Amino acid sequence: MRRPPTKRPRAFGFDVFGTVVDWRTSIARESAGFLATIGRGDLDAGHFADAWRSRYQPAMARVRDGQRAFVILDVLHREMLVDLLGRHGVDVDALDPALVTEWSHAWHRLDPWPDAVAALARLRALAPVVTLSNGNVSLMIELSRRAGLEWDAILGAEHARAFKPAREVYLATAAACGVAPGDFCLVAAHHSDLAAARKAGLMTAYIDRPMEYGGAPAPDRDQRQDWDYEADSLTALAAQLEAST
C-alpha cells in the first residue's frame, strides 16, 4: 500500500481547469446559448466544448516551442474559438466582435466542482494555497470571484511568462511562495501535469475527476504514476492532510 510523504507540504499550487472547476459542463452550457444566437443550434454543445479544449495544448505548444511570443490564455482561447467556428463554416468576420469576445470569456465563468470551495478553505487552514494554472490573472480573478474560490495568491503561467508543463512555471510558483520545490505540492487531476511537476522536484497530489471529459477516458491516463497523495475528491485530500498533523 502506498504511503504518503513523511512531511506535509508547506504550500499548495492548484491546477484549476478540470481539478477545481468543471470546464466541460460549463463551456457546453455557455456555448449552447451562443450557438443558438448565431443560428447554429444544430451543433452539439458538448462536442463543441471538447473540440475547443482539444486546441488548448497545441496552441500553448507554439509558445513553448518559441514559434510565437508569450501571450495570455485569453488571447489563445479567442483564437481557438475563431478557428473552431471557421471549421464549422461560420463567417466570424460577420459576427459582432463583442459577442466573440464574450463567448471566448466563457472560460471566466466555469462552475466549481461541488467539493471545491469548502475543501480549499480546509486546505488553506493547513498551508497557503495558490493557483498554478495556465489561466491568466484576470481570468482567474473573475472565475474565482464568481465561484467563491479563495486563494492566497494567483500565480502560474502569466507570472512565469510560460505555459505548463514548462519546468519554469512550477519553479517560479514555488519561489513566489518562498517555498523550496520539495516542500511545494501541485494538486491536479492530470497525470501529465503532475509528471512535469515531479520532474521539477515538486510534491504531487492527484485528484480523480472521472467526469472531467464527460465520462470519457482522460487523454493522459497512460502517464499515471504513484503520486505522493491520491484522493477521489478535494475533500478526501483535505482529510488525509488533516490526519497527518
C-alpha atoms as a PDB file:
ATOM      1  CA  MET A   1       0.000   0.000   0.000  1.00  0.00           C
ATOM      2  CA  ARG A   2       1.331   3.424  -0.991  1.00  0.00           C
ATOM      3  CA  ARG A   3       2.344   5.632   1.927  1.00  0.00           C
ATOM      4  CA  PRO A   4       2.099   9.443   1.795  1.00  0.00           C
ATOM      5  CA  PRO A   5       5.228  11.552   2.401  1.00  0.00           C
ATOM      6  CA  THR A   6       6.536  11.853   5.941  1.00  0.00           C
ATOM      7  CA  LYS A   7       6.459  15.654   5.668  1.00  0.00           C
ATOM      8  CA  ARG A   8       3.429  17.776   4.883  1.00  0.00           C
ATOM      9  CA  PRO A   9       3.615  20.375   2.085  1.00  0.00           C
ATOM     10  CA  ARG A  10       4.376  23.929   3.150  1.00  0.00           C
ATOM     11  CA  ALA A  11       2.220  25.300   0.312  1.00  0.00           C
ATOM     12  CA  PHE A  12      -0.163  24.007  -2.357  1.00  0.00           C
ATOM     13  CA  GLY A  13      -0.349  25.037  -6.001  1.00  0.00           C
ATOM     14  CA  PHE A  14      -3.571  24.107  -7.776  1.00  0.00           C
ATOM     15  CA  ASP A  15      -4.238  23.282 -11.347  1.00  0.00           C
ATOM     16  CA  VAL A  16      -7.657  24.881 -11.896  1.00  0.00           C
ATOM     17  CA  PHE A  17      -9.299  23.751 -15.163  1.00  0.00           C
ATOM     18  CA  GLY A  18     -10.647  20.279 -14.502  1.00  0.00           C
ATOM     19  CA  THR A  19      -9.242  19.985 -10.989  1.00  0.00           C
ATOM     20  CA  VAL A  20     -11.121  22.782  -9.235  1.00  0.00           C
ATOM     21  CA  VAL A  21     -13.709  23.729 -11.852  1.00  0.00           C
ATOM     22  CA  ASP A  22     -15.836  21.723 -14.284  1.00  0.00           C
ATOM     23  CA  TRP A  23     -14.839  23.252 -17.614  1.00  0.00           C
ATOM     24  CA  ARG A  24     -16.705  20.860 -19.920  1.00  0.00           C
ATOM     25  CA  THR A  25     -20.204  21.232 -18.461  1.00  0.00           C
ATOM     26  CA  SER A  26     -19.738  24.988 -18.161  1.00  0.00           C
ATOM     27  CA  ILE A  27     -18.358  25.546 -21.665  1.00  0.00           C
ATOM     28  CA  ALA A  28     -21.067  23.351 -23.188  1.00  0.00           C
ATOM     29  CA  ARG A  29     -23.747  25.355 -21.373  1.00  0.00           C
ATOM     30  CA  GLU A  30     -22.270  28.698 -22.410  1.00  0.00           C
ATOM     31  CA  SER A  31     -21.668  27.604 -25.997  1.00  0.00           C
ATOM     32  CA  ALA A  32     -25.200  26.261 -26.411  1.00  0.00           C
ATOM     33  CA  GLY A  33     -26.544  29.757 -25.865  1.00  0.00           C
ATOM     34  CA  PHE A  34     -24.090  31.405 -28.240  1.00  0.00           C
ATOM     35  CA  LEU A  35     -24.584  28.739 -30.917  1.00  0.00           C
ATOM     36  CA  ALA A  36     -28.324  29.361 -30.773  1.00  0.00           C
ATOM     37  CA  THR A  37     -27.730  33.119 -31.055  1.00  0.00           C
ATOM     38  CA  ILE A  38     -25.726  32.750 -34.279  1.00  0.00           C
ATOM     39  CA  GLY A  39     -28.191  30.274 -35.753  1.00  0.00           C
ATOM     40  CA  ARG A  40     -26.042  27.165 -35.288  1.00  0.00           C
ATOM     41  CA  GLY A  41     -28.104  25.330 -32.714  1.00  0.00           C
ATOM     42  CA  ASP A  42     -27.591  22.255 -34.884  1.00  0.00           C
ATOM     43  CA  LEU A  43     -24.096  21.829 -33.419  1.00  0.00           C
ATOM     44  CA  ASP A  44     -23.760  19.640 -30.332  1.00  0.00           C
ATOM     45  CA  ALA A  45     -22.581  21.887 -27.490  1.00  0.00           C
ATOM     46  CA  GLY A  46     -20.741  19.100 -25.674  1.00  0.00           C
ATOM     47  CA  HIS A  47     -18.776  18.145 -28.776  1.00  0.00           C
ATOM     48  CA  PHE A  48     -18.103  21.835 -29.373  1.00  0.00           C
ATOM     49  CA  ALA A  49     -16.649  22.154 -25.858  1.00  0.00           C
ATOM     50  CA  ASP A  50     -14.446  19.099 -26.433  1.00  0.00           C
ATOM     51  CA  ALA A  51     -13.196  20.462 -29.758  1.00  0.00           C
ATOM     52  CA  TRP A  52     -12.391  23.834 -28.190  1.00  0.00           C
ATOM     53  CA  ARG A  53     -10.455  22.189 -25.392  1.00  0.00           C
ATOM     54  CA  SER A  54      -8.597  19.925 -27.842  1.00  0.00           C
ATOM     55  CA  ARG A  55      -6.939  23.047 -29.282  1.00  0.00           C
ATOM     56  CA  TYR A  56      -5.562  24.022 -25.850  1.00  0.00           C
ATOM     57  CA  GLN A  57      -2.259  22.131 -25.774  1.00  0.00           C
ATOM     58  CA  PRO A  58      -1.360  22.716 -29.460  1.00  0.00           C
ATOM     59  CA  ALA A  59      -1.913  26.465 -29.025  1.00  0.00           C
ATOM     60  CA  MET A  60       0.328  26.620 -25.947  1.00  0.00           C
ATOM     61  CA  ALA A  61       2.928  24.370 -27.576  1.00  0.00           C
ATOM     62  CA  ARG A  62       3.625  27.053 -30.185  1.00  0.00           C
ATOM     63  CA  VAL A  63       4.548  29.407 -27.337  1.00  0.00           C
ATOM     64  CA  ARG A  64       6.601  26.781 -25.513  1.00  0.00           C
ATOM     65  CA  ASP A  65       8.446  25.892 -28.730  1.00  0.00           C
ATOM     66  CA  GLY A  66       9.332  29.514 -29.423  1.00  0.00           C
ATOM     67  CA  GLN A  67       7.160  29.822 -32.526  1.00  0.00           C
ATOM     68  CA  ARG A  68       5.472  32.878 -31.011  1.00  0.00           C
ATOM     69  CA  ALA A  69       5.979  35.193 -28.052  1.00  0.00           C
ATOM     70  CA  PHE A  70       4.119  34.576 -24.811  1.00  0.00           C
ATOM     71  CA  VAL A  71       0.505  35.740 -24.815  1.00  0.00           C
ATOM     72  CA  ILE A  72      -2.062  35.250 -22.097  1.00  0.00           C
ATOM     73  CA  LEU A  73      -4.545  32.399 -22.295  1.00  0.00           C
ATOM     74  CA  ASP A  74      -7.443  34.751 -23.053  1.00  0.00           C
ATOM     75  CA  VAL A  75      -5.780  35.522 -26.384  1.00  0.00           C
ATOM     76  CA  LEU A  76      -5.340  31.840 -27.185  1.00  0.00           C
ATOM     77  CA  HIS A  77      -8.903  30.981 -26.162  1.00  0.00           C
ATOM     78  CA  ARG A  78     -10.252  33.585 -28.593  1.00  0.00           C
ATOM     79  CA  GLU A  79      -8.022  32.365 -31.416  1.00  0.00           C
ATOM     80  CA  MET A  80      -9.097  28.763 -30.757  1.00  0.00           C
ATOM     81  CA  LEU A  81     -12.758  29.772 -30.832  1.00  0.00           C
ATOM     82  CA  VAL A  82     -12.357  31.674 -34.101  1.00  0.00           C
ATOM     83  CA  ASP A  83     -10.601  28.694 -35.678  1.00  0.00           C
ATOM     84  CA  LEU A  84     -13.256  26.265 -34.446  1.00  0.00           C
ATOM     85  CA  LEU A  85     -16.130  28.389 -35.725  1.00  0.00           C
ATOM     86  CA  GLY A  86     -14.394  28.704 -39.084  1.00  0.00           C
ATOM     87  CA  ARG A  87     -14.084  24.915 -39.290  1.00  0.00           C
ATOM     88  CA  HIS A  88     -17.866  24.757 -38.925  1.00  0.00           C
ATOM     89  CA  GLY A  89     -18.388  27.214 -41.769  1.00  0.00           C
ATOM     90  CA  VAL A  90     -19.202  30.237 -39.603  1.00  0.00           C
ATOM     91  CA  ASP A  91     -18.152  33.592 -41.069  1.00  0.00           C
ATOM     92  CA  VAL A  92     -16.601  35.010 -37.919  1.00  0.00           C
ATOM     93  CA  ASP A  93     -15.954  38.391 -39.591  1.00  0.00           C
ATOM     94  CA  ALA A  94     -19.731  38.787 -39.919  1.00  0.00           C
ATOM     95  CA  LEU A  95     -20.253  38.327 -36.164  1.00  0.00           C
ATOM     96  CA  ASP A  96     -20.235  41.133 -33.620  1.00  0.00           C
ATOM     97  CA  PRO A  97     -16.666  41.195 -32.201  1.00  0.00           C
ATOM     98  CA  ALA A  98     -18.121  41.836 -28.747  1.00  0.00           C
ATOM     99  CA  LEU A  99     -20.114  38.608 -28.996  1.00  0.00           C
ATOM    100  CA  VAL A 100     -16.985  36.653 -29.949  1.00  0.00           C
ATOM    101  CA  THR A 101     -15.063  38.168 -27.032  1.00  0.00           C
ATOM    102  CA  GLU A 102     -17.866  37.404 -24.588  1.00  0.00           C
ATOM    103  CA  TRP A 103     -18.037  33.844 -25.902  1.00  0.00           C
ATOM    104  CA  SER A 104     -14.284  33.407 -25.562  1.00  0.00           C
ATOM    105  CA  HIS A 105     -14.590  34.647 -21.978  1.00  0.00           C
ATOM    106  CA  ALA A 106     -16.869  31.705 -21.174  1.00  0.00           C
ATOM    107  CA  TRP A 107     -13.699  30.313 -19.567  1.00  0.00           C
ATOM    108  CA  HIS A 108     -14.101  33.058 -16.930  1.00  0.00           C
ATOM    109  CA  ARG A 109     -17.485  31.615 -15.973  1.00  0.00           C
ATOM    110  CA  LEU A 110     -16.750  27.990 -15.071  1.00  0.00           C
ATOM    111  CA  ASP A 111     -18.607  26.329 -12.213  1.00  0.00           C
ATOM    112  CA  PRO A 112     -16.599  24.777  -9.366  1.00  0.00           C
ATOM    113  CA  TRP A 113     -16.845  21.071  -8.626  1.00  0.00           C
ATOM    114  CA  PRO A 114     -19.201  20.603  -5.632  1.00  0.00           C
ATOM    115  CA  ASP A 115     -16.363  19.867  -3.190  1.00  0.00           C
ATOM    116  CA  ALA A 116     -14.028  22.677  -4.256  1.00  0.00           C
ATOM    117  CA  VAL A 117     -14.992  25.724  -2.192  1.00  0.00           C
ATOM    118  CA  ALA A 118     -15.213  24.022   1.203  1.00  0.00           C
ATOM    119  CA  ALA A 119     -12.155  21.823   0.645  1.00  0.00           C
ATOM    120  CA  LEU A 120     -10.000  24.759  -0.409  1.00  0.00           C
ATOM    121  CA  ALA A 121     -10.916  26.520   2.833  1.00  0.00           C
ATOM    122  CA  ARG A 122      -9.848  23.437   4.808  1.00  0.00           C
ATOM    123  CA  LEU A 123      -6.541  23.230   2.955  1.00  0.00           C
ATOM    124  CA  ARG A 124      -5.910  26.956   3.471  1.00  0.00           C
ATOM    125  CA  ALA A 125      -6.107  26.311   7.209  1.00  0.00           C
ATOM    126  CA  LEU A 126      -3.107  23.988   6.823  1.00  0.00           C
ATOM    127  CA  ALA A 127      -0.882  25.957   4.419  1.00  0.00           C
ATOM    128  CA  PRO A 128      -1.060  28.664   1.732  1.00  0.00           C
ATOM    129  CA  VAL A 129      -2.986  27.740  -1.402  1.00  0.00           C
ATOM    130  CA  VAL A 130      -2.273  29.419  -4.754  1.00  0.00           C
ATOM    131  CA  THR A 131      -3.204  28.842  -8.359  1.00  0.00           C
ATOM    132  CA  LEU A 132      -0.674  27.064 -10.552  1.00  0.00           C
ATOM    133  CA  SER A 133      -2.689  27.413 -13.709  1.00  0.00           C
ATOM    134  CA  ASN A 134      -2.189  28.314 -17.345  1.00  0.00           C
ATOM    135  CA  GLY A 135      -5.040  30.782 -16.918  1.00  0.00           C
ATOM    136  CA  ASN A 136      -4.113  34.476 -16.890  1.00  0.00           C
ATOM    137  CA  VAL A 137      -4.595  36.631 -13.807  1.00  0.00           C
ATOM    138  CA  SER A 138      -7.727  38.487 -14.920  1.00  0.00           C
ATOM    139  CA  LEU A 139      -9.336  35.188 -15.963  1.00  0.00           C
ATOM    140  CA  MET A 140      -8.516  33.623 -12.591  1.00  0.00           C
ATOM    141  CA  ILE A 141      -9.803  36.650 -10.667  1.00  0.00           C
ATOM    142  CA  GLU A 142     -13.182  36.672 -12.421  1.00  0.00           C
ATOM    143  CA  LEU A 143     -13.549  32.889 -12.301  1.00  0.00           C
ATOM    144  CA  SER A 144     -12.623  32.712  -8.614  1.00  0.00           C
ATOM    145  CA  ARG A 145     -14.863  35.581  -7.512  1.00  0.00           C
ATOM    146  CA  ARG A 146     -17.809  34.094  -9.389  1.00  0.00           C
ATOM    147  CA  ALA A 147     -17.210  30.598  -7.991  1.00  0.00           C
ATOM    148  CA  GLY A 148     -16.361  31.685  -4.434  1.00  0.00           C
ATOM    149  CA  LEU A 149     -12.817  30.268  -4.587  1.00  0.00           C
ATOM    150  CA  GLU A 150     -10.373  31.858  -2.149  1.00  0.00           C
ATOM    151  CA  TRP A 151      -6.642  31.820  -2.883  1.00  0.00           C
ATOM    152  CA  ASP A 152      -3.649  33.262  -1.096  1.00  0.00           C
ATOM    153  CA  ALA A 153      -2.229  34.328  -4.469  1.00  0.00           C
ATOM    154  CA  ILE A 154      -2.925  33.918  -8.176  1.00  0.00           C
ATOM    155  CA  LEU A 155       0.208  32.586  -9.827  1.00  0.00           C
ATOM    156  CA  GLY A 156       1.154  30.326 -12.711  1.00  0.00           C
ATOM    157  CA  ALA A 157       1.647  30.979 -16.408  1.00  0.00           C
ATOM    158  CA  GLU A 158       1.314  34.761 -16.576  1.00  0.00           C
ATOM    159  CA  HIS A 159       3.633  35.187 -13.576  1.00  0.00           C
ATOM    160  CA  ALA A 160       6.229  32.840 -15.115  1.00  0.00           C
ATOM    161  CA  ARG A 161       5.639  34.049 -18.717  1.00  0.00           C
ATOM    162  CA  ALA A 162       5.442  30.433 -19.822  1.00  0.00           C
ATOM    163  CA  PHE A 163       2.865  27.655 -20.016  1.00  0.00           C
ATOM    164  CA  LYS A 164       2.817  24.346 -18.203  1.00  0.00           C
ATOM    165  CA  PRO A 165       4.296  21.812 -18.483  1.00  0.00           C
ATOM    166  CA  ALA A 166       7.376  24.044 -18.832  1.00  0.00           C
ATOM    167  CA  ARG A 167       9.600  23.499 -15.790  1.00  0.00           C
ATOM    168  CA  GLU A 168       9.895  27.213 -15.012  1.00  0.00           C
ATOM    169  CA  VAL A 169       6.167  27.563 -14.304  1.00  0.00           C
ATOM    170  CA  TYR A 170       6.350  25.130 -11.384  1.00  0.00           C
ATOM    171  CA  LEU A 171       9.600  26.529 -10.015  1.00  0.00           C
ATOM    172  CA  ALA A 172       8.546  30.175 -10.355  1.00  0.00           C
ATOM    173  CA  THR A 173       5.302  29.485  -8.497  1.00  0.00           C
ATOM    174  CA  ALA A 174       7.075  27.749  -5.622  1.00  0.00           C
ATOM    175  CA  ALA A 175       9.677  30.523  -5.484  1.00  0.00           C
ATOM    176  CA  ALA A 176       6.975  33.210  -5.373  1.00  0.00           C
ATOM    177  CA  CYS A 177       5.610  31.484  -2.267  1.00  0.00           C
ATOM    178  CA  GLY A 178       9.065  31.396  -0.688  1.00  0.00           C
ATOM    179  CA  VAL A 179       8.940  27.611  -0.595  1.00  0.00           C
ATOM    180  CA  ALA A 180      11.523  25.106  -1.844  1.00  0.00           C
ATOM    181  CA  PRO A 181      10.253  22.896  -4.688  1.00  0.00           C
ATOM    182  CA  GLY A 182      10.413  19.813  -2.483  1.00  0.00           C
ATOM    183  CA  ASP A 183       8.056  21.436   0.042  1.00  0.00           C
ATOM    184  CA  PHE A 184       5.582  22.661  -2.576  1.00  0.00           C
ATOM    185  CA  CYS A 185       2.760  20.383  -3.752  1.00  0.00           C
ATOM    186  CA  LEU A 186       0.928  20.534  -7.068  1.00  0.00           C
ATOM    187  CA  VAL A 187      -2.695  19.431  -6.755  1.00  0.00           C
ATOM    188  CA  ALA A 188      -4.057  18.320 -10.127  1.00  0.00           C
ATOM    189  CA  ALA A 189      -6.420  15.949 -11.883  1.00  0.00           C
ATOM    190  CA  HIS A 190      -3.978  15.431 -14.748  1.00  0.00           C
ATOM    191  CA  HIS A 191      -1.173  12.891 -14.751  1.00  0.00           C
ATOM    192  CA  SER A 192       0.803  14.826 -17.372  1.00  0.00           C
ATOM    193  CA  ASP A 193       0.777  17.962 -15.217  1.00  0.00           C
ATOM    194  CA  LEU A 194       1.826  16.005 -12.130  1.00  0.00           C
ATOM    195  CA  ALA A 195       4.591  14.226 -14.040  1.00  0.00           C
ATOM    196  CA  ALA A 196       6.088  17.564 -15.108  1.00  0.00           C
ATOM    197  CA  ALA A 197       5.790  18.926 -11.572  1.00  0.00           C
ATOM    198  CA  ARG A 198       7.524  15.856 -10.137  1.00  0.00           C
ATOM    199  CA  LYS A 199      10.314  16.210 -12.694  1.00  0.00           C
ATOM    200  CA  ALA A 200      10.769  19.801 -11.453  1.00  0.00           C
ATOM    201  CA  GLY A 201      11.110  18.499  -7.889  1.00  0.00           C
ATOM    202  CA  LEU A 202       7.632  19.243  -6.536  1.00  0.00           C
ATOM    203  CA  MET A 203       5.420  17.052  -4.373  1.00  0.00           C
ATOM    204  CA  THR A 204       2.293  15.759  -6.103  1.00  0.00           C
ATOM    205  CA  ALA A 205      -1.366  15.199  -5.208  1.00  0.00           C
ATOM    206  CA  TYR A 206      -3.702  13.543  -7.693  1.00  0.00           C
ATOM    207  CA  ILE A 207      -7.452  14.227  -7.586  1.00  0.00           C
ATOM    208  CA  ASP A 208      -9.603  11.845  -9.605  1.00  0.00           C
ATOM    209  CA  ARG A 209     -12.188  13.694 -11.724  1.00  0.00           C
ATOM    210  CA  PRO A 210     -13.834  10.941 -13.811  1.00  0.00           C
ATOM    211  CA  MET A 211     -16.394  13.360 -15.272  1.00  0.00           C
ATOM    212  CA  GLU A 212     -13.927  15.987 -16.483  1.00  0.00           C
ATOM    213  CA  TYR A 213     -14.318  14.723 -20.058  1.00  0.00           C
ATOM    214  CA  GLY A 214     -17.966  13.762 -19.671  1.00  0.00           C
ATOM    215  CA  GLY A 215     -17.063  10.256 -18.567  1.00  0.00           C
ATOM    216  CA  ALA A 216     -14.635   9.639 -21.449  1.00  0.00           C
ATOM    217  CA  PRO A 217     -11.119   8.417 -20.558  1.00  0.00           C
ATOM    218  CA  ALA A 218      -8.586  11.128 -19.786  1.00  0.00           C
ATOM    219  CA  PRO A 219      -6.113  11.638 -22.656  1.00  0.00           C
ATOM    220  CA  ASP A 220      -3.095  11.379 -20.317  1.00  0.00           C
ATOM    221  CA  ARG A 221      -4.156   8.238 -18.444  1.00  0.00           C
ATOM    222  CA  ASP A 222      -1.043   6.432 -19.700  1.00  0.00           C
ATOM    223  CA  GLN A 223       1.127   8.830 -17.667  1.00  0.00           C
ATOM    224  CA  ARG A 224      -0.205   7.686 -14.296  1.00  0.00           C
ATOM    225  CA  GLN A 225       2.429   7.247 -11.572  1.00  0.00           C
ATOM    226  CA  ASP A 226       2.432   6.525  -7.860  1.00  0.00           C
ATOM    227  CA  TRP A 227       1.755  10.081  -6.672  1.00  0.00           C
ATOM    228  CA  ASP A 228       2.593  11.362  -3.188  1.00  0.00           C
ATOM    229  CA  TYR A 229      -1.095  11.829  -2.389  1.00  0.00           C
ATOM    230  CA  GLU A 230      -4.120  10.430  -4.195  1.00  0.00           C
ATOM    231  CA  ALA A 231      -7.788  11.112  -3.487  1.00  0.00           C
ATOM    232  CA  ASP A 232     -11.158  10.918  -5.200  1.00  0.00           C
ATOM    233  CA  SER A 233     -12.041  14.471  -4.152  1.00  0.00           C
ATOM    234  CA  LEU A 234     -10.506  17.599  -2.690  1.00  0.00           C
ATOM    235  CA  THR A 235     -12.471  16.845   0.460  1.00  0.00           C
ATOM    236  CA  ALA A 236     -10.711  13.493   0.794  1.00  0.00           C
ATOM    237  CA  LEU A 237      -7.334  15.134   0.193  1.00  0.00           C
ATOM    238  CA  ALA A 238      -8.039  17.668   2.941  1.00  0.00           C
ATOM    239  CA  ALA A 239      -8.977  14.835   5.312  1.00  0.00           C
ATOM    240  CA  GLN A 240      -5.730  12.994   4.537  1.00  0.00           C
ATOM    241  CA  LEU A 241      -3.658  16.063   5.264  1.00  0.00           C
ATOM    242  CA  GLU A 242      -5.597  16.995   8.390  1.00  0.00           C
ATOM    243  CA  ALA A 243      -4.992  13.479   9.735  1.00  0.00           C
ATOM    244  CA  SER A 244      -1.241  13.905   9.216  1.00  0.00           C
ATOM    245  CA  THR A 245      -0.980  16.904  11.552  1.00  0.00           C
END
